[in-house]
C-alpha atoms as a PDB file:
ATOM      1  CA  UNK A   1      25.481 -17.830  57.045  1.00  0.00           C
ATOM      2  CA  UNK A   2      27.393 -16.874  60.170  1.00  0.00           C
ATOM      3  CA  UNK A   3      27.952 -19.379  62.896  1.00  0.00           C
ATOM      4  CA  UNK A   4      26.467 -18.975  66.345  1.00  0.00           C
ATOM      5  CA  UNK A   5      29.863 -18.014  67.719  1.00  0.00           C
ATOM      6  CA  UNK A   6      30.191 -15.074  65.325  1.00  0.00           C
ATOM      7  CA  UNK A   7      26.693 -13.647  65.819  1.00  0.00           C
ATOM      8  CA  UNK A   8      27.254 -12.328  69.402  1.00  0.00           C
ATOM      9  CA  UNK A   9      30.388 -10.484  68.232  1.00  0.00           C
ATOM     10  CA  UNK A  10      28.459  -8.826  65.378  1.00  0.00           C
ATOM     11  CA  UNK A  11      25.675  -7.864  67.752  1.00  0.00           C
ATOM     12  CA  UNK A  12      28.128  -6.241  70.165  1.00  0.00           C
ATOM     13  CA  UNK A  13      29.814  -4.336  67.297  1.00  0.00           C
ATOM     14  CA  UNK A  14      26.471  -3.041  66.015  1.00  0.00           C
ATOM     15  CA  UNK A  15      25.443  -1.867  69.491  1.00  0.00           C
ATOM     16  CA  UNK A  16      28.811  -0.152  69.937  1.00  0.00           C
ATOM     17  CA  UNK A  17      28.347   1.731  66.653  1.00  0.00           C
ATOM     18  CA  UNK A  18      24.867   2.843  67.700  1.00  0.00           C
ATOM     19  CA  UNK A  19      26.162   4.064  71.043  1.00  0.00           C
ATOM     20  CA  UNK A  20      29.006   5.986  69.371  1.00  0.00           C
ATOM     21  CA  UNK A  21      26.546   7.600  66.938  1.00  0.00           C
ATOM     22  CA  UNK A  22      24.297   8.564  69.831  1.00  0.00           C
ATOM     23  CA  UNK A  23      27.166  10.073  71.813  1.00  0.00           C
ATOM     24  CA  UNK A  24      28.349  11.994  68.736  1.00  0.00           C
ATOM     25  CA  UNK A  25      24.887  13.450  68.357  1.00  0.00           C
ATOM     26  CA  UNK A  26      24.805  14.407  72.032  1.00  0.00           C
ATOM     27  CA  UNK A  27      28.193  16.097  71.702  1.00  0.00           C
ATOM     28  CA  UNK A  28      26.990  18.109  68.717  1.00  0.00           C
ATOM     29  CA  UNK A  29      23.853  19.184  70.578  1.00  0.00           C
ATOM     30  CA  UNK A  30      25.920  20.116  73.630  1.00  0.00           C
ATOM     31  CA  UNK A  31      28.322  22.209  71.534  1.00  0.00           C
ATOM     32  CA  UNK A  32      25.446  23.976  69.834  1.00  0.00           C
ATOM     33  CA  UNK A  33      23.809  24.588  73.201  1.00  0.00           C
ATOM     34  CA  UNK A  34      27.002  26.205  74.510  1.00  0.00           C
ATOM     35  CA  UNK A  35      27.248  28.335  71.366  1.00  0.00           C
ATOM     36  CA  UNK A  36      23.665  29.579  71.667  1.00  0.00           C
ATOM     37  CA  UNK A  37      24.205  30.269  75.379  1.00  0.00           C
ATOM     38  CA  UNK A  38      27.245  32.425  74.566  1.00  0.00           C
ATOM     39  CA  UNK A  39      25.292  34.312  71.899  1.00  0.00           C
ATOM     40  CA  UNK A  40      22.492  34.932  74.382  1.00  0.00           C
ATOM     41  CA  UNK A  41      24.987  36.447  76.817  1.00  0.00           C
ATOM     42  CA  UNK A  42      26.296  38.767  74.089  1.00  0.00           C
ATOM     43  CA  UNK A  43      22.865  39.922  72.930  1.00  0.00           C
ATOM     44  CA  UNK A  44      21.753  40.457  76.521  1.00  0.00           C
ATOM     45  CA  UNK A  45      24.823  42.611  77.183  1.00  0.00           C
ATOM     46  CA  UNK A  46      24.225  44.587  73.988  1.00  0.00           C
ATOM     47  CA  UNK A  47      20.639  45.198  75.063  1.00  0.00           C
ATOM     48  CA  UNK A  48      21.828  46.619  78.390  1.00  0.00           C
ATOM     49  CA  UNK A  49      24.327  48.871  76.610  1.00  0.00           C
ATOM     50  CA  UNK A  50      21.672  50.065  74.163  1.00  0.00           C
ATOM     51  CA  UNK A  51      19.276  50.799  77.023  1.00  0.00           C
ATOM     52  CA  UNK A  52      21.926  52.963  78.674  1.00  0.00           C
ATOM     53  CA  UNK A  53      22.720  54.806  75.441  1.00  0.00           C
ATOM     54  CA  UNK A  54      19.041  55.344  74.687  1.00  0.00           C
ATOM     55  CA  UNK A  55      18.635  57.623  77.699  1.00  0.00           C
ATOM     56  CA  UNK A  56      21.443  59.884  76.464  1.00  0.00           C
ATOM     57  CA  UNK A  57      20.149  59.781  72.895  1.00  0.00           C
ATOM     58  CA  UNK A  58      16.617  60.772  73.937  1.00  0.00           C
ATOM     59  CA  UNK A  59      17.976  63.650  76.015  1.00  0.00           C
ATOM     60  CA  UNK A  60      20.056  64.921  73.086  1.00  0.00           C
ATOM     61  CA  UNK A  61      17.098  64.504  70.734  1.00  0.00           C
ATOM     62  CA  UNK A  62      14.860  66.697  72.887  1.00  0.00           C
ATOM     63  CA  UNK A  63      17.460  69.469  72.775  1.00  0.00           C
ATOM     64  CA  UNK A  64      18.043  69.072  69.028  1.00  0.00           C
ATOM     65  CA  UNK A  65      14.327  69.286  68.255  1.00  0.00           C
ATOM     66  CA  UNK A  66      14.442  72.907  69.365  1.00  0.00           C
ATOM     67  CA  UNK A  67      16.687  73.610  66.383  1.00  0.00           C
ATOM     68  CA  UNK A  68      14.316  71.712  64.120  1.00  0.00           C
ATOM     69  CA  UNK A  69      11.336  73.682  65.442  1.00  0.00           C
ATOM     70  CA  UNK A  70      13.150  76.942  64.633  1.00  0.00           C
ATOM     71  CA  UNK A  71      13.781  75.717  61.095  1.00  0.00           C
ATOM     72  CA  UNK A  72      10.158  74.722  60.619  1.00  0.00           C
ATOM     73  CA  UNK A  73       9.014  78.108  61.883  1.00  0.00           C
ATOM     74  CA  UNK A  74      11.259  79.824  59.349  1.00  0.00           C
ATOM     75  CA  UNK A  75      10.114  77.839  56.316  1.00  0.00           C
ATOM     76  CA  UNK A  76       6.454  77.846  57.336  1.00  0.00           C
ATOM     77  CA  UNK A  77       6.447  81.640  57.024  1.00  0.00           C
ATOM     78  CA  UNK A  78       7.919  81.670  53.514  1.00  0.00           C
ATOM     79  CA  UNK A  79       5.555  81.420  50.586  1.00  0.00           C
ATOM     80  CA  UNK A  80       6.075  78.658  48.027  1.00  0.00           C
ATOM     81  CA  UNK A  81       4.062  80.207  45.187  1.00  0.00           C
ATOM     82  CA  UNK A  82       7.038  80.924  42.954  1.00  0.00           C
ATOM     83  CA  UNK A  83       8.584  77.550  43.770  1.00  0.00           C
ATOM     84  CA  UNK A  84       5.430  75.731  42.724  1.00  0.00           C
ATOM     85  CA  UNK A  85       5.517  77.468  39.334  1.00  0.00           C
ATOM     86  CA  UNK A  86       8.989  76.104  38.659  1.00  0.00           C
ATOM     87  CA  UNK A  87       8.323  72.612  40.006  1.00  0.00           C
ATOM     88  CA  UNK A  88       9.422  70.887  36.816  1.00  0.00           C
ATOM     89  CA  UNK A  89      12.807  72.630  36.678  1.00  0.00           C
ATOM     90  CA  UNK A  90      13.860  72.253  40.288  1.00  0.00           C
ATOM     91  CA  UNK A  91      17.276  70.911  41.148  1.00  0.00           C
ATOM     92  CA  UNK A  92      16.665  68.664  44.135  1.00  0.00           C
ATOM     93  CA  UNK A  93      19.299  67.145  46.397  1.00  0.00           C
ATOM     94  CA  UNK A  94      18.229  64.204  48.556  1.00  0.00           C
ATOM     95  CA  UNK A  95      20.197  63.653  51.762  1.00  0.00           C
ATOM     96  CA  UNK A  96      19.688  60.128  53.144  1.00  0.00           C
ATOM     97  CA  UNK A  97      20.698  60.143  56.812  1.00  0.00           C
ATOM     98  CA  UNK A  98      21.575  56.912  58.614  1.00  0.00           C
ATOM     99  CA  UNK A  99      24.781  55.403  60.057  1.00  0.00           C
ATOM    100  CA  UNK A 100      27.450  52.712  59.712  1.00  0.00           C
ATOM    101  CA  UNK A 101      26.248  50.443  62.538  1.00  0.00           C
ATOM    102  CA  UNK A 102      24.447  47.147  62.154  1.00  0.00           C
ATOM    103  CA  UNK A 103      22.382  44.819  64.335  1.00  0.00           C
ATOM    104  CA  UNK A 104      19.558  47.337  64.542  1.00  0.00           C
ATOM    105  CA  UNK A 105      16.709  45.781  62.572  1.00  0.00           C
ATOM    106  CA  UNK A 106      15.403  47.570  59.492  1.00  0.00           C
ATOM    107  CA  UNK A 107      16.604  51.041  60.461  1.00  0.00           C
ATOM    108  CA  UNK A 108      18.754  51.402  57.333  1.00  0.00           C
ATOM    109  CA  UNK A 109      16.370  49.616  54.979  1.00  0.00           C
ATOM    110  CA  UNK A 110      13.569  52.057  55.805  1.00  0.00           C
ATOM    111  CA  UNK A 111      15.762  54.976  54.684  1.00  0.00           C
ATOM    112  CA  UNK A 112      16.820  53.173  51.507  1.00  0.00           C
ATOM    113  CA  UNK A 113      13.263  52.247  50.520  1.00  0.00           C
ATOM    114  CA  UNK A 114      11.977  55.756  51.182  1.00  0.00           C
ATOM    115  CA  UNK A 115      14.828  57.297  49.176  1.00  0.00           C
ATOM    116  CA  UNK A 116      14.253  54.968  46.221  1.00  0.00           C
ATOM    117  CA  UNK A 117      10.571  55.942  46.122  1.00  0.00           C
ATOM    118  CA  UNK A 118      11.448  59.641  46.320  1.00  0.00           C
ATOM    119  CA  UNK A 119      13.979  59.344  43.479  1.00  0.00           C
ATOM    120  CA  UNK A 120      11.468  57.454  41.356  1.00  0.00           C
ATOM    121  CA  UNK A 121       8.788  60.107  41.947  1.00  0.00           C
ATOM    122  CA  UNK A 122      11.089  63.082  41.310  1.00  0.00           C
ATOM    123  CA  UNK A 123      14.708  62.469  40.211  1.00  0.00           C
ATOM    124  CA  UNK A 124      17.547  64.409  41.775  1.00  0.00           C
ATOM    125  CA  UNK A 125      21.064  64.175  43.136  1.00  0.00           C
ATOM    126  CA  UNK A 126      21.866  62.108  46.188  1.00  0.00           C
ATOM    127  CA  UNK A 127      24.042  62.549  49.267  1.00  0.00           C
ATOM    128  CA  UNK A 128      24.301  59.736  51.822  1.00  0.00           C
ATOM    129  CA  UNK A 129      25.318  59.656  55.482  1.00  0.00           C
ATOM    130  CA  UNK A 130      26.302  56.137  56.570  1.00  0.00           C
ATOM    131  CA  UNK A 131      27.898  53.102  54.940  1.00  0.00           C
ATOM    132  CA  UNK A 132      24.802  50.904  55.292  1.00  0.00           C
ATOM    133  CA  UNK A 133      22.448  53.000  53.105  1.00  0.00           C
ATOM    134  CA  UNK A 134      25.358  53.694  50.760  1.00  0.00           C
ATOM    135  CA  UNK A 135      25.737  49.961  50.079  1.00  0.00           C
ATOM    136  CA  UNK A 136      21.980  49.538  49.592  1.00  0.00           C
ATOM    137  CA  UNK A 137      21.405  52.593  47.400  1.00  0.00           C
ATOM    138  CA  UNK A 138      24.598  52.030  45.427  1.00  0.00           C
ATOM    139  CA  UNK A 139      22.994  49.066  43.678  1.00  0.00           C
ATOM    140  CA  UNK A 140      20.188  51.098  42.096  1.00  0.00           C
ATOM    141  CA  UNK A 141      21.205  54.781  42.238  1.00  0.00           C
ATOM    142  CA  UNK A 142      24.981  54.756  41.876  1.00  0.00           C
ATOM    143  CA  UNK A 143      24.932  57.408  39.122  1.00  0.00           C
ATOM    144  CA  UNK A 144      23.006  59.855  41.296  1.00  0.00           C
ATOM    145  CA  UNK A 145      25.299  59.669  44.328  1.00  0.00           C
ATOM    146  CA  UNK A 146      27.394  62.848  44.582  1.00  0.00           C
ATOM    147  CA  UNK A 147      28.930  62.574  48.049  1.00  0.00           C
ATOM    148  CA  UNK A 148      28.903  60.133  50.954  1.00  0.00           C
ATOM    149  CA  UNK A 149      29.854  60.419  54.625  1.00  0.00           C
ATOM    150  CA  UNK A 150      31.069  57.713  57.014  1.00  0.00           C
ATOM    151  CA  UNK A 151      31.972  57.529  60.688  1.00  0.00           C
ATOM    152  CA  UNK A 152      28.936  59.527  61.828  1.00  0.00           C
ATOM    153  CA  UNK A 153      26.642  58.174  64.543  1.00  0.00           C
ATOM    154  CA  UNK A 154      29.094  56.150  66.641  1.00  0.00           C
ATOM    155  CA  UNK A 155      28.157  58.449  69.493  1.00  0.00           C
ATOM    156  CA  UNK A 156      25.570  61.201  69.916  1.00  0.00           C
ATOM    157  CA  UNK A 157      26.054  63.456  66.835  1.00  0.00           C
ATOM    158  CA  UNK A 158      27.252  67.003  67.332  1.00  0.00           C
ATOM    159  CA  UNK A 159      26.469  70.271  65.585  1.00  0.00           C
ATOM    160  CA  UNK A 160      30.076  70.378  64.358  1.00  0.00           C
ATOM    161  CA  UNK A 161      29.530  67.136  62.428  1.00  0.00           C
ATOM    162  CA  UNK A 162      26.307  68.518  60.945  1.00  0.00           C
ATOM    163  CA  UNK A 163      28.098  71.729  59.913  1.00  0.00           C
ATOM    164  CA  UNK A 164      30.878  69.746  58.204  1.00  0.00           C
ATOM    165  CA  UNK A 165      28.304  67.709  56.273  1.00  0.00           C
ATOM    166  CA  UNK A 166      26.420  70.869  55.265  1.00  0.00           C
ATOM    167  CA  UNK A 167      29.627  72.558  54.037  1.00  0.00           C
ATOM    168  CA  UNK A 168      30.562  69.538  51.914  1.00  0.00           C
ATOM    169  CA  UNK A 169      27.087  69.325  50.372  1.00  0.00           C
ATOM    170  CA  UNK A 170      27.193  73.024  49.480  1.00  0.00           C
ATOM    171  CA  UNK A 171      30.579  72.516  47.804  1.00  0.00           C
ATOM    172  CA  UNK A 172      29.356  69.593  45.706  1.00  0.00           C
ATOM    173  CA  UNK A 173      25.900  71.007  44.833  1.00  0.00           C
ATOM    174  CA  UNK A 174      26.079  74.810  45.224  1.00  0.00           C
ATOM    175  CA  UNK A 175      23.211  75.574  42.824  1.00  0.00           C
ATOM    176  CA  UNK A 176      20.488  73.476  44.437  1.00  0.00           C
ATOM    177  CA  UNK A 177      16.866  74.599  44.720  1.00  0.00           C
ATOM    178  CA  UNK A 178      15.809  72.221  47.483  1.00  0.00           C
ATOM    179  CA  UNK A 179      17.514  69.844  49.854  1.00  0.00           C
ATOM    180  CA  UNK A 180      15.235  67.089  51.110  1.00  0.00           C
ATOM    181  CA  UNK A 181      16.580  65.409  54.227  1.00  0.00           C
ATOM    182  CA  UNK A 182      15.349  61.831  54.568  1.00  0.00           C
ATOM    183  CA  UNK A 183      15.819  60.421  58.069  1.00  0.00           C
ATOM    184  CA  UNK A 184      14.174  58.203  60.651  1.00  0.00           C
ATOM    185  CA  UNK A 185      11.834  60.112  62.926  1.00  0.00           C
ATOM    186  CA  UNK A 186      11.648  58.830  66.487  1.00  0.00           C
ATOM    187  CA  UNK A 187       8.055  58.077  67.508  1.00  0.00           C
ATOM    188  CA  UNK A 188       8.541  55.999  70.654  1.00  0.00           C
ATOM    189  CA  UNK A 189      10.947  53.518  72.160  1.00  0.00           C
ATOM    190  CA  UNK A 190       9.347  50.816  70.002  1.00  0.00           C
ATOM    191  CA  UNK A 191       8.615  52.567  66.710  1.00  0.00           C
ATOM    192  CA  UNK A 192      10.064  54.943  64.135  1.00  0.00           C
ATOM    193  CA  UNK A 193       9.329  55.968  60.556  1.00  0.00           C
ATOM    194  CA  UNK A 194      11.217  57.529  57.653  1.00  0.00           C
ATOM    195  CA  UNK A 195      10.179  61.053  56.797  1.00  0.00           C
ATOM    196  CA  UNK A 196      11.331  64.089  54.804  1.00  0.00           C
ATOM    197  CA  UNK A 197      12.224  67.631  55.803  1.00  0.00           C
ATOM    198  CA  UNK A 198      12.512  70.087  52.906  1.00  0.00           C
ATOM    199  CA  UNK A 199      14.924  73.024  53.017  1.00  0.00           C
ATOM    200  CA  UNK A 200      14.983  75.660  50.280  1.00  0.00           C
ATOM    201  CA  UNK A 201      17.943  77.557  48.865  1.00  0.00           C
ATOM    202  CA  UNK A 202      19.054  81.089  49.716  1.00  0.00           C
ATOM    203  CA  UNK A 203      17.570  82.415  46.482  1.00  0.00           C
ATOM    204  CA  UNK A 204      14.188  80.887  47.219  1.00  0.00           C
ATOM    205  CA  UNK A 205      14.236  82.446  50.667  1.00  0.00           C
ATOM    206  CA  UNK A 206      15.233  85.837  49.256  1.00  0.00           C
ATOM    207  CA  UNK A 207      12.450  85.823  46.667  1.00  0.00           C
ATOM    208  CA  UNK A 208       9.694  84.689  49.004  1.00  0.00           C
ATOM    209  CA  UNK A 209       7.128  87.364  49.950  1.00  0.00           C
ATOM    210  CA  UNK A 210       7.376  86.451  53.625  1.00  0.00           C
ATOM    211  CA  UNK A 211      11.106  87.211  53.571  1.00  0.00           C
ATOM    212  CA  UNK A 212      10.917  90.383  51.459  1.00  0.00           C
ATOM    213  CA  UNK A 213       8.594  92.171  53.854  1.00  0.00           C
ATOM    214  CA  UNK A 214      11.545  92.745  56.185  1.00  0.00           C
ATOM    215  CA  UNK A 215      13.964  95.544  55.333  1.00  0.00           C
ATOM    216  CA  UNK A 216      17.584  94.502  55.629  1.00  0.00           C
ATOM    217  CA  UNK A 217      20.711  96.496  54.947  1.00  0.00           C
ATOM    218  CA  UNK A 218      22.535  93.489  53.490  1.00  0.00           C
ATOM    219  CA  UNK A 219      21.567  90.132  52.092  1.00  0.00           C
ATOM    220  CA  UNK A 220      21.555  87.590  54.910  1.00  0.00           C
ATOM    221  CA  UNK A 221      19.615  84.917  53.069  1.00  0.00           C
ATOM    222  CA  UNK A 222      22.750  82.951  52.158  1.00  0.00           C
ATOM    223  CA  UNK A 223      24.004  82.745  55.736  1.00  0.00           C
ATOM    224  CA  UNK A 224      20.497  81.962  56.955  1.00  0.00           C
ATOM    225  CA  UNK A 225      20.079  79.164  54.420  1.00  0.00           C
ATOM    226  CA  UNK A 226      23.448  77.624  55.325  1.00  0.00           C
ATOM    227  CA  UNK A 227      22.721  77.827  59.041  1.00  0.00           C
ATOM    228  CA  UNK A 228      19.244  76.360  58.517  1.00  0.00           C
ATOM    229  CA  UNK A 229      20.749  73.495  56.528  1.00  0.00           C
ATOM    230  CA  UNK A 230      23.189  72.706  59.353  1.00  0.00           C
ATOM    231  CA  UNK A 231      20.315  72.881  61.851  1.00  0.00           C
ATOM    232  CA  UNK A 232      18.179  70.531  59.766  1.00  0.00           C
ATOM    233  CA  UNK A 233      21.009  68.022  59.353  1.00  0.00           C
ATOM    234  CA  UNK A 234      21.815  68.162  63.066  1.00  0.00           C
ATOM    235  CA  UNK A 235      18.197  67.466  64.006  1.00  0.00           C
ATOM    236  CA  UNK A 236      18.019  64.571  61.538  1.00  0.00           C
ATOM    237  CA  UNK A 237      21.281  63.068  62.804  1.00  0.00           C
ATOM    238  CA  UNK A 238      20.329  63.202  66.474  1.00  0.00           C
ATOM    239  CA  UNK A 239      16.777  61.954  65.963  1.00  0.00           C
ATOM    240  CA  UNK A 240      17.984  59.191  63.652  1.00  0.00           C
ATOM    241  CA  UNK A 241      20.596  58.206  66.239  1.00  0.00           C
ATOM    242  CA  UNK A 242      17.901  57.875  68.910  1.00  0.00           C
ATOM    243  CA  UNK A 243      15.768  55.756  66.565  1.00  0.00           C
ATOM    244  CA  UNK A 244      18.757  53.535  65.778  1.00  0.00           C
ATOM    245  CA  UNK A 245      19.621  52.934  69.434  1.00  0.00           C
ATOM    246  CA  UNK A 246      15.972  52.145  70.144  1.00  0.00           C
ATOM    247  CA  UNK A 247      15.830  49.720  67.211  1.00  0.00           C
ATOM    248  CA  UNK A 248      19.060  48.048  68.319  1.00  0.00           C
ATOM    249  CA  UNK A 249      17.697  47.591  71.839  1.00  0.00           C
ATOM    250  CA  UNK A 250      14.540  45.989  70.441  1.00  0.00           C
ATOM    251  CA  UNK A 251      16.549  43.777  68.073  1.00  0.00           C
ATOM    252  CA  UNK A 252      18.820  42.554  70.867  1.00  0.00           C
ATOM    253  CA  UNK A 253      15.834  41.862  73.101  1.00  0.00           C
ATOM    254  CA  UNK A 254      14.210  39.786  70.360  1.00  0.00           C
ATOM    255  CA  UNK A 255      17.500  37.972  69.720  1.00  0.00           C
ATOM    256  CA  UNK A 256      17.850  37.148  73.424  1.00  0.00           C
ATOM    257  CA  UNK A 257      14.287  35.808  73.553  1.00  0.00           C
ATOM    258  CA  UNK A 258      14.901  33.669  70.468  1.00  0.00           C
ATOM    259  CA  UNK A 259      18.139  32.351  71.979  1.00  0.00           C
ATOM    260  CA  UNK A 260      16.302  31.380  75.164  1.00  0.00           C
ATOM    261  CA  UNK A 261      13.674  29.505  73.140  1.00  0.00           C
ATOM    262  CA  UNK A 262      16.385  27.736  71.154  1.00  0.00           C
ATOM    263  CA  UNK A 263      18.252  26.786  74.332  1.00  0.00           C
ATOM    264  CA  UNK A 264      15.091  25.298  75.804  1.00  0.00           C
ATOM    265  CA  UNK A 265      14.516  23.260  72.645  1.00  0.00           C
ATOM    266  CA  UNK A 266      18.141  22.058  72.484  1.00  0.00           C
ATOM    267  CA  UNK A 267      18.140  21.171  76.186  1.00  0.00           C
ATOM    268  CA  UNK A 268      15.016  19.063  75.726  1.00  0.00           C
ATOM    269  CA  UNK A 269      16.553  17.381  72.673  1.00  0.00           C
ATOM    270  CA  UNK A 270      19.772  16.729  74.588  1.00  0.00           C
ATOM    271  CA  UNK A 271      17.904  15.206  77.555  1.00  0.00           C
ATOM    272  CA  UNK A 272      15.901  12.925  75.283  1.00  0.00           C
ATOM    273  CA  UNK A 273      19.007  11.789  73.447  1.00  0.00           C
ATOM    274  CA  UNK A 274      20.874  11.116  76.691  1.00  0.00           C
ATOM    275  CA  UNK A 275      17.907   9.159  78.040  1.00  0.00           C
ATOM    276  CA  UNK A 276      17.808   7.096  74.843  1.00  0.00           C
ATOM    277  CA  UNK A 277      21.516   6.250  75.152  1.00  0.00           C
ATOM    278  CA  UNK A 278      21.082   5.248  78.803  1.00  0.00           C
ATOM    279  CA  UNK A 279      18.066   3.088  77.926  1.00  0.00           C
ATOM    280  CA  UNK A 280      20.009   1.369  75.132  1.00  0.00           C
ATOM    281  CA  UNK A 281      22.912   0.624  77.443  1.00  0.00           C
ATOM    282  CA  UNK A 282      20.585  -0.800  80.087  1.00  0.00           C
ATOM    283  CA  UNK A 283      18.910  -3.049  77.509  1.00  0.00           C
ATOM    284  CA  UNK A 284      22.322  -4.299  76.371  1.00  0.00           C
ATOM    285  CA  UNK A 285      23.379  -5.033  79.931  1.00  0.00           C
ATOM    286  CA  UNK A 286      20.151  -6.872  80.733  1.00  0.00           C
ATOM    287  CA  UNK A 287      20.309  -8.808  77.449  1.00  0.00           C
ATOM    288  CA  UNK A 288      23.919  -9.793  78.088  1.00  0.00           C
ATOM    289  CA  UNK A 289      23.135 -10.915  81.623  1.00  0.00           C
ATOM    290  CA  UNK A 290      20.201 -13.020  80.400  1.00  0.00           C
ATOM    291  CA  UNK A 291      22.385 -14.640  77.749  1.00  0.00           C
ATOM    292  CA  UNK A 292      24.972 -15.609  80.337  1.00  0.00           C
END
């Protein structure tokens, strides 16, 4: 048993420990609040930057779609009867088009999932644009990857980049029958979806009835196929870039909204904790004055 003289000292020590614990908690909440506030400033700035870039990306996409429309017009007028007969023996090259950037939602995962389903339905060789899909697809389809490209998509893609990618693919897989470009198609500023554009080889173009009805002094199917491949890749790069910027803008907006909600919750928690500390100190002062 403690004597009456010792009990007040123990009571004061216990109250001091409680106050220190309360202040430590308030300091932790305050530090976390500052951290979330800084993150909110960053995400808000990134949203503004993405909004600015989106205007340029949409403008470039509208121009690039003209190239894609020309490609579609070409392949829509070539018959696929002979190709369908040799469906089982086709050599298919899948080109997964994305980028190296992050903080843009599920833009890369949509390409990876779509590519995995396509490879499971009909196996083939794989070429990848972007480090993000390369890391994702490398876990399940490492043996099928023939060539990868990095550093594309930091800015609005150019036709020169698309031509370089097309040349490298033709060097690695010169005897392909089809190249299926898998990319994100821009629907609106809030939505996108992965889709496929199929490009046939020069031989398939040359043997198609729609191509043979024109008399030509020399074979131009090879040059036409190479140019069409570069056009298709360019369209996929630019449209995928616009979808990525749009997704990043949406992701940063959601992150900013979540940060604001978290700041409100932490501020309320901080105010309650500070009020509890003040109330405890007032009780101690009143109790001490009554004891005296």
